[in-house]
Protein backbone atom coordinates (compact mmCIF):
# COMPACT_ATOMS: atom_id res chain seq x y z
CA UNK A 1 59.66 -119.30 51.84
CA UNK A 2 56.16 -119.64 52.38
CA UNK A 3 55.64 -117.02 49.92
CA UNK A 4 57.63 -119.06 47.32
CA UNK A 5 55.74 -122.13 48.01
CA UNK A 6 52.35 -120.48 47.68
CA UNK A 7 53.32 -119.11 44.39
CA UNK A 8 54.39 -122.49 43.18
CA UNK A 9 51.19 -124.17 44.33
CA UNK A 10 49.42 -121.45 42.26
CA UNK A 11 51.46 -121.86 39.40
CA UNK A 12 50.63 -125.70 39.32
CA UNK A 13 46.83 -124.99 39.87
CA UNK A 14 47.21 -122.61 36.72
CA UNK A 15 48.88 -125.02 34.70
CA UNK A 16 46.16 -127.91 36.10
CA UNK A 17 43.46 -125.47 35.14
CA UNK A 18 44.68 -124.88 31.67
CA UNK A 19 45.42 -128.37 30.76
CA UNK A 20 41.68 -129.41 31.89
CA UNK A 21 40.44 -126.81 29.81
CA UNK A 22 42.15 -127.99 26.91
CA UNK A 23 40.93 -131.64 27.51
CA UNK A 24 37.51 -130.30 27.86
CA UNK A 25 37.87 -128.72 24.33
CA UNK A 26 39.12 -131.52 22.82
CA UNK A 27 36.39 -133.67 24.19
CA UNK A 28 33.61 -131.35 22.99
CA UNK A 29 35.16 -131.20 19.66
CA UNK A 30 35.23 -135.07 19.69
CA UNK A 31 31.58 -135.06 20.21
CA UNK A 32 30.67 -132.27 17.77
CA UNK A 33 28.84 -133.81 14.76
CA UNK A 34 31.13 -131.39 12.20
CA UNK A 35 33.46 -134.15 10.70
CA UNK A 36 34.98 -131.43 8.39
CA UNK A 37 38.44 -131.38 9.88
CA UNK A 38 38.75 -135.35 10.26
CA UNK A 39 41.73 -136.59 8.42
CA UNK A 40 39.73 -140.36 7.41
CA UNK A 41 36.31 -140.21 7.00
CA UNK A 42 34.35 -143.43 8.45
CA UNK A 43 33.75 -144.80 4.92
CA UNK A 44 37.64 -144.69 4.00
CA UNK A 45 38.31 -146.47 7.28
CA UNK A 46 35.73 -149.54 6.35
CA UNK A 47 36.88 -149.57 2.91
CA UNK A 48 40.76 -150.07 4.14
CA UNK A 49 39.53 -152.64 6.83
């Protein structure tokens, strides 16, 4: 029972670490100056507004 509980906690810990890493990656990509992969450029958004 304790072994299963430890494995369950380890599993949730791994999931949290993975989501944290993915979130960090997306935040790092959002801060980068490379707009090559953006769907809309800032100029297009200003024209539509």
